[in-house]
């Protein structure tokens, strides 16, 4: 299996913060047998030996530390096409501490997205129940009985380009919950899907978008949490991926 090069933002004895490239799957699964995942990379980089003894969450002999080995120290997830900050624990103790912070929603995350249309108001909140669609298990949507989810947002800039049929909004998003595809579903819900999102922007729109950008425009740009050893607040931030910034440079910024 070919190993991949992953930019490291920060590393100490307990933490590893990376800038995940788009196009790389985070966790190993049945569907990733022919690709190298972030989990493969972390197990190699940190010399973590994967072990699956059959125990799982809920079993009486299951311990929180067990997931450290099963997940290669990876504390949370990013979609395959989403680039940006990913937090990895280097020890079982740090893993348990960080996962608790995510569960308790004390971790502050910022994403940057380019969405179709002019988002108004420029500052707002999206709060709706999100769940997996019964008729398409690969997609999520707003459904009765879904899990509560909330995203705050701030519009940063508006853009236009002559060969794109509508205007675009560059927006910072602050998820207050961690549902799968949450930001993508929330922006679709307010009729402003992410540029080039093949699942949620609509087939025709996504096909047109991908002639200009080969991935959807979403990046995890900033994160703040407590260091698992010192319990002091730390923050990490990354610039937009080169391909996202390059595409943004082709657009004309327009007044708010």
C-alpha atoms as a PDB file:
ATOM      1  CA  UNK A   1       0.000   0.000   0.000  1.00  0.00           C
ATOM      2  CA  UNK A   2       1.427   3.360  -1.040  1.00  0.00           C
ATOM      3  CA  UNK A   3       1.937   5.726   1.868  1.00  0.00           C
ATOM      4  CA  UNK A   4       0.858   9.349   1.635  1.00  0.00           C
ATOM      5  CA  UNK A   5       2.445  12.616   2.683  1.00  0.00           C
ATOM      6  CA  UNK A   6       0.454  14.471   5.318  1.00  0.00           C
ATOM      7  CA  UNK A   7       1.359  18.022   6.499  1.00  0.00           C
ATOM      8  CA  UNK A   8       1.886  18.113  10.275  1.00  0.00           C
ATOM      9  CA  UNK A   9       0.816  21.359  11.984  1.00  0.00           C
ATOM     10  CA  UNK A  10       1.817  20.449  15.532  1.00  0.00           C
ATOM     11  CA  UNK A  11       3.147  17.442  17.407  1.00  0.00           C
ATOM     12  CA  UNK A  12       4.138  16.722  20.998  1.00  0.00           C
ATOM     13  CA  UNK A  13       4.110  13.586  23.162  1.00  0.00           C
ATOM     14  CA  UNK A  14       0.301  13.462  23.345  1.00  0.00           C
ATOM     15  CA  UNK A  15      -1.028  15.314  20.310  1.00  0.00           C
ATOM     16  CA  UNK A  16      -0.709  15.268  16.540  1.00  0.00           C
ATOM     17  CA  UNK A  17      -2.499  17.947  14.512  1.00  0.00           C
ATOM     18  CA  UNK A  18      -2.494  17.508  10.739  1.00  0.00           C
ATOM     19  CA  UNK A  19      -3.748  19.416   7.706  1.00  0.00           C
ATOM     20  CA  UNK A  20      -5.715  16.705   5.905  1.00  0.00           C
ATOM     21  CA  UNK A  21      -5.690  16.943   2.105  1.00  0.00           C
ATOM     22  CA  UNK A  22      -8.921  16.562   0.152  1.00  0.00           C
ATOM     23  CA  UNK A  23      -9.462  13.178  -1.453  1.00  0.00           C
ATOM     24  CA  UNK A  24      -8.101  11.088   1.426  1.00  0.00           C
ATOM     25  CA  UNK A  25     -10.489   8.998   3.544  1.00  0.00           C
ATOM     26  CA  UNK A  26      -9.979   9.337   7.302  1.00  0.00           C
ATOM     27  CA  UNK A  27     -10.904   5.926   8.731  1.00  0.00           C
ATOM     28  CA  UNK A  28     -10.288   2.499   7.278  1.00  0.00           C
ATOM     29  CA  UNK A  29     -13.396   0.516   6.269  1.00  0.00           C
ATOM     30  CA  UNK A  30     -14.550  -2.293   3.979  1.00  0.00           C
ATOM     31  CA  UNK A  31     -14.812   0.269   1.160  1.00  0.00           C
ATOM     32  CA  UNK A  32     -11.210   1.525   1.538  1.00  0.00           C
ATOM     33  CA  UNK A  33      -9.290  -1.692   0.793  1.00  0.00           C
ATOM     34  CA  UNK A  34      -7.654  -0.234  -2.314  1.00  0.00           C
ATOM     35  CA  UNK A  35      -6.704   3.153  -0.875  1.00  0.00           C
ATOM     36  CA  UNK A  36      -4.425   4.512   1.818  1.00  0.00           C
ATOM     37  CA  UNK A  37      -6.363   6.218   4.594  1.00  0.00           C
ATOM     38  CA  UNK A  38      -5.350   8.702   7.270  1.00  0.00           C
ATOM     39  CA  UNK A  39      -5.693   5.805   9.722  1.00  0.00           C
ATOM     40  CA  UNK A  40      -3.088   3.808   7.781  1.00  0.00           C
ATOM     41  CA  UNK A  41      -0.801   6.835   7.903  1.00  0.00           C
ATOM     42  CA  UNK A  42      -1.273   7.457  11.639  1.00  0.00           C
ATOM     43  CA  UNK A  43      -0.727   3.812  12.553  1.00  0.00           C
ATOM     44  CA  UNK A  44       2.542   3.929  10.632  1.00  0.00           C
ATOM     45  CA  UNK A  45       3.614   7.360  11.917  1.00  0.00           C
ATOM     46  CA  UNK A  46       2.758   6.619  15.552  1.00  0.00           C
ATOM     47  CA  UNK A  47       3.558   2.890  15.455  1.00  0.00           C
ATOM     48  CA  UNK A  48       0.061   2.017  16.673  1.00  0.00           C
ATOM     49  CA  UNK A  49      -0.736  -1.672  16.333  1.00  0.00           C
ATOM     50  CA  UNK A  50      -4.328  -2.185  15.224  1.00  0.00           C
ATOM     51  CA  UNK A  51      -6.154  -4.771  17.299  1.00  0.00           C
ATOM     52  CA  UNK A  52      -9.746  -5.902  16.957  1.00  0.00           C
ATOM     53  CA  UNK A  53     -10.633  -8.333  19.707  1.00  0.00           C
ATOM     54  CA  UNK A  54     -14.343  -8.104  19.010  1.00  0.00           C
ATOM     55  CA  UNK A  55     -15.138  -5.925  22.005  1.00  0.00           C
ATOM     56  CA  UNK A  56     -17.257  -2.867  21.281  1.00  0.00           C
ATOM     57  CA  UNK A  57     -18.928   0.067  23.006  1.00  0.00           C
ATOM     58  CA  UNK A  58     -21.588  -1.249  25.384  1.00  0.00           C
ATOM     59  CA  UNK A  59     -19.844  -4.530  26.183  1.00  0.00           C
ATOM     60  CA  UNK A  60     -19.227  -4.941  29.908  1.00  0.00           C
ATOM     61  CA  UNK A  61     -15.481  -5.397  29.410  1.00  0.00           C
ATOM     62  CA  UNK A  62     -15.149  -2.544  26.891  1.00  0.00           C
ATOM     63  CA  UNK A  63     -12.896   0.348  27.938  1.00  0.00           C
ATOM     64  CA  UNK A  64     -12.794   3.834  26.343  1.00  0.00           C
ATOM     65  CA  UNK A  65      -9.088   3.291  25.618  1.00  0.00           C
ATOM     66  CA  UNK A  66      -9.938   0.386  23.287  1.00  0.00           C
ATOM     67  CA  UNK A  67     -11.090   2.791  20.580  1.00  0.00           C
ATOM     68  CA  UNK A  68      -7.662   4.424  20.509  1.00  0.00           C
ATOM     69  CA  UNK A  69      -6.263   1.316  18.837  1.00  0.00           C
ATOM     70  CA  UNK A  70      -9.304   0.636  16.661  1.00  0.00           C
ATOM     71  CA  UNK A  71      -9.276   4.185  15.271  1.00  0.00           C
ATOM     72  CA  UNK A  72      -5.529   4.706  15.031  1.00  0.00           C
ATOM     73  CA  UNK A  73      -5.725   7.563  17.530  1.00  0.00           C
ATOM     74  CA  UNK A  74      -8.040   9.604  15.269  1.00  0.00           C
ATOM     75  CA  UNK A  75     -10.370  11.594  17.498  1.00  0.00           C
ATOM     76  CA  UNK A  76     -12.959  12.885  14.990  1.00  0.00           C
ATOM     77  CA  UNK A  77     -13.822  12.711  11.293  1.00  0.00           C
ATOM     78  CA  UNK A  78     -13.744  14.801   8.162  1.00  0.00           C
ATOM     79  CA  UNK A  79     -15.444  13.843   4.894  1.00  0.00           C
ATOM     80  CA  UNK A  80     -13.135  12.475   2.207  1.00  0.00           C
ATOM     81  CA  UNK A  81     -13.287  15.681   0.110  1.00  0.00           C
ATOM     82  CA  UNK A  82     -13.081  18.024   3.102  1.00  0.00           C
ATOM     83  CA  UNK A  83      -9.589  19.356   3.756  1.00  0.00           C
ATOM     84  CA  UNK A  84      -8.209  20.909   6.900  1.00  0.00           C
ATOM     85  CA  UNK A  85      -7.479  20.361  10.571  1.00  0.00           C
ATOM     86  CA  UNK A  86      -7.717  16.864  12.018  1.00  0.00           C
ATOM     87  CA  UNK A  87      -6.862  16.049  15.643  1.00  0.00           C
ATOM     88  CA  UNK A  88      -5.076  12.788  16.460  1.00  0.00           C
ATOM     89  CA  UNK A  89      -4.202  11.483  19.920  1.00  0.00           C
ATOM     90  CA  UNK A  90      -0.843   9.791  20.459  1.00  0.00           C
ATOM     91  CA  UNK A  91      -1.815   8.002  23.677  1.00  0.00           C
ATOM     92  CA  UNK A  92      -4.973   6.235  24.902  1.00  0.00           C
ATOM     93  CA  UNK A  93      -5.258   8.745  27.759  1.00  0.00           C
ATOM     94  CA  UNK A  94      -5.181  11.741  25.396  1.00  0.00           C
ATOM     95  CA  UNK A  95      -7.682   9.997  23.109  1.00  0.00           C
ATOM     96  CA  UNK A  96     -10.212   9.520  25.918  1.00  0.00           C
ATOM     97  CA  UNK A  97      -9.796  13.125  27.092  1.00  0.00           C
ATOM     98  CA  UNK A  98     -10.215  14.590  23.607  1.00  0.00           C
ATOM     99  CA  UNK A  99     -13.215  12.431  22.733  1.00  0.00           C
ATOM    100  CA  UNK A 100     -14.905  13.603  25.926  1.00  0.00           C
ATOM    101  CA  UNK A 101     -14.300  17.215  24.891  1.00  0.00           C
ATOM    102  CA  UNK A 102     -15.966  16.522  21.533  1.00  0.00           C
ATOM    103  CA  UNK A 103     -18.911  14.747  23.206  1.00  0.00           C
ATOM    104  CA  UNK A 104     -19.310  17.615  25.696  1.00  0.00           C
ATOM    105  CA  UNK A 105     -19.225  20.082  22.769  1.00  0.00           C
ATOM    106  CA  UNK A 106     -16.501  22.197  24.329  1.00  0.00           C
ATOM    107  CA  UNK A 107     -14.359  21.954  21.171  1.00  0.00           C
ATOM    108  CA  UNK A 108     -14.787  25.058  18.990  1.00  0.00           C
ATOM    109  CA  UNK A 109     -14.566  24.382  15.243  1.00  0.00           C
ATOM    110  CA  UNK A 110     -14.614  26.742  12.270  1.00  0.00           C
ATOM    111  CA  UNK A 111     -15.205  25.645   8.686  1.00  0.00           C
ATOM    112  CA  UNK A 112     -14.999  27.735   5.536  1.00  0.00           C
ATOM    113  CA  UNK A 113     -17.317  27.012   2.611  1.00  0.00           C
ATOM    114  CA  UNK A 114     -18.245  28.568  -0.705  1.00  0.00           C
ATOM    115  CA  UNK A 115     -21.983  28.260  -1.232  1.00  0.00           C
ATOM    116  CA  UNK A 116     -24.314  28.961  -4.121  1.00  0.00           C
ATOM    117  CA  UNK A 117     -26.398  32.119  -3.920  1.00  0.00           C
ATOM    118  CA  UNK A 118     -26.397  35.186  -1.694  1.00  0.00           C
ATOM    119  CA  UNK A 119     -26.877  34.049   1.886  1.00  0.00           C
ATOM    120  CA  UNK A 120     -29.075  36.428   3.873  1.00  0.00           C
ATOM    121  CA  UNK A 121     -29.059  37.368   6.665  1.00  0.00           C
ATOM    122  CA  UNK A 122     -25.270  37.589   6.765  1.00  0.00           C
ATOM    123  CA  UNK A 123     -25.163  36.139  10.288  1.00  0.00           C
ATOM    124  CA  UNK A 124     -27.475  33.391  11.449  1.00  0.00           C
ATOM    125  CA  UNK A 125     -28.231  29.995  12.906  1.00  0.00           C
ATOM    126  CA  UNK A 126     -29.452  26.778  11.307  1.00  0.00           C
ATOM    127  CA  UNK A 127     -31.074  24.374  13.771  1.00  0.00           C
ATOM    128  CA  UNK A 128     -32.890  21.321  12.373  1.00  0.00           C
ATOM    129  CA  UNK A 129     -33.025  17.517  12.972  1.00  0.00           C
ATOM    130  CA  UNK A 130     -30.574  15.614  10.740  1.00  0.00           C
ATOM    131  CA  UNK A 131     -30.725  11.920   9.942  1.00  0.00           C
ATOM    132  CA  UNK A 132     -29.773   9.334   7.341  1.00  0.00           C
ATOM    133  CA  UNK A 133     -32.267   9.176   4.485  1.00  0.00           C
ATOM    134  CA  UNK A 134     -34.161   5.845   4.575  1.00  0.00           C
ATOM    135  CA  UNK A 135     -34.257   5.676   0.761  1.00  0.00           C
ATOM    136  CA  UNK A 136     -30.545   6.518   0.287  1.00  0.00           C
ATOM    137  CA  UNK A 137     -28.216   5.363   3.051  1.00  0.00           C
ATOM    138  CA  UNK A 138     -25.297   7.397   1.658  1.00  0.00           C
ATOM    139  CA  UNK A 139     -27.078  10.699   2.151  1.00  0.00           C
ATOM    140  CA  UNK A 140     -28.390  12.667   5.099  1.00  0.00           C
ATOM    141  CA  UNK A 141     -31.209  15.167   5.296  1.00  0.00           C
ATOM    142  CA  UNK A 142     -33.700  16.997   7.472  1.00  0.00           C
ATOM    143  CA  UNK A 143     -36.096  14.300   8.668  1.00  0.00           C
ATOM    144  CA  UNK A 144     -38.647  13.889  11.501  1.00  0.00           C
ATOM    145  CA  UNK A 145     -37.008  12.020  14.345  1.00  0.00           C
ATOM    146  CA  UNK A 146     -33.525  13.037  13.215  1.00  0.00           C
ATOM    147  CA  UNK A 147     -30.872  14.071  15.722  1.00  0.00           C
ATOM    148  CA  UNK A 148     -30.807  17.708  16.764  1.00  0.00           C
ATOM    149  CA  UNK A 149     -28.105  19.735  15.064  1.00  0.00           C
ATOM    150  CA  UNK A 150     -27.098  23.376  15.034  1.00  0.00           C
ATOM    151  CA  UNK A 151     -24.693  25.460  12.963  1.00  0.00           C
ATOM    152  CA  UNK A 152     -23.919  29.162  13.375  1.00  0.00           C
ATOM    153  CA  UNK A 153     -22.594  31.073  10.379  1.00  0.00           C
ATOM    154  CA  UNK A 154     -21.098  34.405   9.255  1.00  0.00           C
ATOM    155  CA  UNK A 155     -20.915  35.468   5.614  1.00  0.00           C
ATOM    156  CA  UNK A 156     -17.377  36.634   4.831  1.00  0.00           C
ATOM    157  CA  UNK A 157     -17.732  37.816   1.211  1.00  0.00           C
ATOM    158  CA  UNK A 158     -19.919  37.580  -1.872  1.00  0.00           C
ATOM    159  CA  UNK A 159     -18.549  36.667  -5.300  1.00  0.00           C
ATOM    160  CA  UNK A 160     -19.582  36.331  -8.908  1.00  0.00           C
ATOM    161  CA  UNK A 161     -18.146  34.962 -12.145  1.00  0.00           C
ATOM    162  CA  UNK A 162     -19.528  35.277 -15.655  1.00  0.00           C
ATOM    163  CA  UNK A 163     -19.661  31.540 -16.365  1.00  0.00           C
ATOM    164  CA  UNK A 164     -21.434  30.650 -13.087  1.00  0.00           C
ATOM    165  CA  UNK A 165     -25.195  31.140 -13.233  1.00  0.00           C
ATOM    166  CA  UNK A 166     -25.605  32.567  -9.727  1.00  0.00           C
ATOM    167  CA  UNK A 167     -23.639  34.568  -7.190  1.00  0.00           C
ATOM    168  CA  UNK A 168     -21.639  32.809  -4.469  1.00  0.00           C
ATOM    169  CA  UNK A 169     -21.180  33.302  -0.721  1.00  0.00           C
ATOM    170  CA  UNK A 170     -17.950  32.625   1.169  1.00  0.00           C
ATOM    171  CA  UNK A 171     -19.086  31.720   4.661  1.00  0.00           C
ATOM    172  CA  UNK A 172     -17.547  30.779   8.009  1.00  0.00           C
ATOM    173  CA  UNK A 173     -19.487  28.068   9.814  1.00  0.00           C
ATOM    174  CA  UNK A 174     -19.382  27.078  13.467  1.00  0.00           C
ATOM    175  CA  UNK A 175     -21.021  23.666  14.053  1.00  0.00           C
ATOM    176  CA  UNK A 176     -22.414  23.307  17.568  1.00  0.00           C
ATOM    177  CA  UNK A 177     -23.039  19.587  17.046  1.00  0.00           C
ATOM    178  CA  UNK A 178     -21.201  16.914  15.087  1.00  0.00           C
ATOM    179  CA  UNK A 179     -23.660  15.148  12.798  1.00  0.00           C
ATOM    180  CA  UNK A 180     -22.426  13.418   9.651  1.00  0.00           C
ATOM    181  CA  UNK A 181     -22.551  15.797   6.636  1.00  0.00           C
ATOM    182  CA  UNK A 182     -24.039  18.437   8.969  1.00  0.00           C
ATOM    183  CA  UNK A 183     -22.697  21.566   7.255  1.00  0.00           C
ATOM    184  CA  UNK A 184     -23.427  20.211   3.785  1.00  0.00           C
ATOM    185  CA  UNK A 185     -27.004  19.319   4.749  1.00  0.00           C
ATOM    186  CA  UNK A 186     -27.599  22.600   6.597  1.00  0.00           C
ATOM    187  CA  UNK A 187     -26.495  24.737   3.647  1.00  0.00           C
ATOM    188  CA  UNK A 188     -28.649  22.696   1.273  1.00  0.00           C
ATOM    189  CA  UNK A 189     -31.576  23.149   3.699  1.00  0.00           C
ATOM    190  CA  UNK A 190     -31.370  26.959   3.391  1.00  0.00           C
ATOM    191  CA  UNK A 191     -31.125  26.595  -0.428  1.00  0.00           C
ATOM    192  CA  UNK A 192     -27.418  27.496  -0.571  1.00  0.00           C
ATOM    193  CA  UNK A 193     -25.594  24.198  -1.242  1.00  0.00           C
ATOM    194  CA  UNK A 194     -21.815  24.050  -1.193  1.00  0.00           C
ATOM    195  CA  UNK A 195     -20.090  24.652  -4.532  1.00  0.00           C
ATOM    196  CA  UNK A 196     -19.362  21.351  -6.349  1.00  0.00           C
ATOM    197  CA  UNK A 197     -21.034  19.205  -3.668  1.00  0.00           C
ATOM    198  CA  UNK A 198     -21.895  16.070  -5.654  1.00  0.00           C
ATOM    199  CA  UNK A 199     -24.387  14.813  -3.022  1.00  0.00           C
ATOM    200  CA  UNK A 200     -26.260  17.951  -2.082  1.00  0.00           C
ATOM    201  CA  UNK A 201     -25.898  20.619  -4.781  1.00  0.00           C
ATOM    202  CA  UNK A 202     -27.940  18.745  -7.382  1.00  0.00           C
ATOM    203  CA  UNK A 203     -26.533  16.600 -10.172  1.00  0.00           C
ATOM    204  CA  UNK A 204     -26.648  19.230 -12.920  1.00  0.00           C
ATOM    205  CA  UNK A 205     -25.213  22.007 -10.739  1.00  0.00           C
ATOM    206  CA  UNK A 206     -22.457  19.810  -9.303  1.00  0.00           C
ATOM    207  CA  UNK A 207     -21.476  18.578 -12.770  1.00  0.00           C
ATOM    208  CA  UNK A 208     -21.158  22.170 -13.976  1.00  0.00           C
ATOM    209  CA  UNK A 209     -19.244  23.221 -10.845  1.00  0.00           C
ATOM    210  CA  UNK A 210     -16.755  20.376 -11.184  1.00  0.00           C
ATOM    211  CA  UNK A 211     -15.642  21.615 -14.562  1.00  0.00           C
ATOM    212  CA  UNK A 212     -14.111  24.475 -12.559  1.00  0.00           C
ATOM    213  CA  UNK A 213     -13.251  22.798  -9.231  1.00  0.00           C
ATOM    214  CA  UNK A 214     -12.684  19.048  -8.835  1.00  0.00           C
ATOM    215  CA  UNK A 215     -13.778  18.867  -5.170  1.00  0.00           C
ATOM    216  CA  UNK A 216     -16.412  20.548  -3.055  1.00  0.00           C
ATOM    217  CA  UNK A 217     -15.436  23.813  -1.401  1.00  0.00           C
ATOM    218  CA  UNK A 218     -15.352  22.984   2.312  1.00  0.00           C
ATOM    219  CA  UNK A 219     -12.425  23.153   4.718  1.00  0.00           C
ATOM    220  CA  UNK A 220     -11.925  22.770   8.465  1.00  0.00           C
ATOM    221  CA  UNK A 221      -9.925  25.953   8.994  1.00  0.00           C
ATOM    222  CA  UNK A 222      -9.716  26.432  12.779  1.00  0.00           C
ATOM    223  CA  UNK A 223     -10.091  24.475  16.019  1.00  0.00           C
ATOM    224  CA  UNK A 224      -9.797  25.300  19.739  1.00  0.00           C
ATOM    225  CA  UNK A 225      -9.773  22.821  22.623  1.00  0.00           C
ATOM    226  CA  UNK A 226      -8.019  22.024  25.897  1.00  0.00           C
ATOM    227  CA  UNK A 227      -4.669  20.285  25.688  1.00  0.00           C
ATOM    228  CA  UNK A 228      -5.213  16.836  27.254  1.00  0.00           C
ATOM    229  CA  UNK A 229      -2.103  17.148  29.440  1.00  0.00           C
ATOM    230  CA  UNK A 230      -2.138  20.781  30.578  1.00  0.00           C
ATOM    231  CA  UNK A 231      -5.888  21.497  30.210  1.00  0.00           C
ATOM    232  CA  UNK A 232      -4.899  24.872  28.769  1.00  0.00           C
ATOM    233  CA  UNK A 233      -6.792  26.223  25.761  1.00  0.00           C
ATOM    234  CA  UNK A 234      -4.979  25.866  22.432  1.00  0.00           C
ATOM    235  CA  UNK A 235      -5.972  26.976  18.943  1.00  0.00           C
ATOM    236  CA  UNK A 236      -4.781  25.886  15.501  1.00  0.00           C
ATOM    237  CA  UNK A 237      -5.621  27.458  12.166  1.00  0.00           C
ATOM    238  CA  UNK A 238      -4.730  26.665   8.544  1.00  0.00           C
ATOM    239  CA  UNK A 239      -5.062  28.685   5.327  1.00  0.00           C
ATOM    240  CA  UNK A 240      -7.348  27.515   2.546  1.00  0.00           C
ATOM    241  CA  UNK A 241      -6.037  24.599   0.503  1.00  0.00           C
ATOM    242  CA  UNK A 242      -4.155  25.761  -2.597  1.00  0.00           C
ATOM    243  CA  UNK A 243      -6.831  24.575  -5.021  1.00  0.00           C
ATOM    244  CA  UNK A 244      -9.582  26.377  -3.068  1.00  0.00           C
ATOM    245  CA  UNK A 245      -7.615  29.606  -2.840  1.00  0.00           C
ATOM    246  CA  UNK A 246      -6.725  29.404  -6.540  1.00  0.00           C
ATOM    247  CA  UNK A 247     -10.390  29.025  -7.478  1.00  0.00           C
ATOM    248  CA  UNK A 248     -11.356  31.920  -5.216  1.00  0.00           C
ATOM    249  CA  UNK A 249      -8.839  34.103  -7.094  1.00  0.00           C
ATOM    250  CA  UNK A 250     -10.796  33.512 -10.313  1.00  0.00           C
ATOM    251  CA  UNK A 251     -13.912  35.122  -8.787  1.00  0.00           C
ATOM    252  CA  UNK A 252     -14.835  38.788  -8.557  1.00  0.00           C
ATOM    253  CA  UNK A 253     -15.729  39.981  -5.079  1.00  0.00           C
ATOM    254  CA  UNK A 254     -18.931  42.032  -4.959  1.00  0.00           C
ATOM    255  CA  UNK A 255     -20.206  44.450  -2.283  1.00  0.00           C
ATOM    256  CA  UNK A 256     -22.323  43.198   0.633  1.00  0.00           C
END
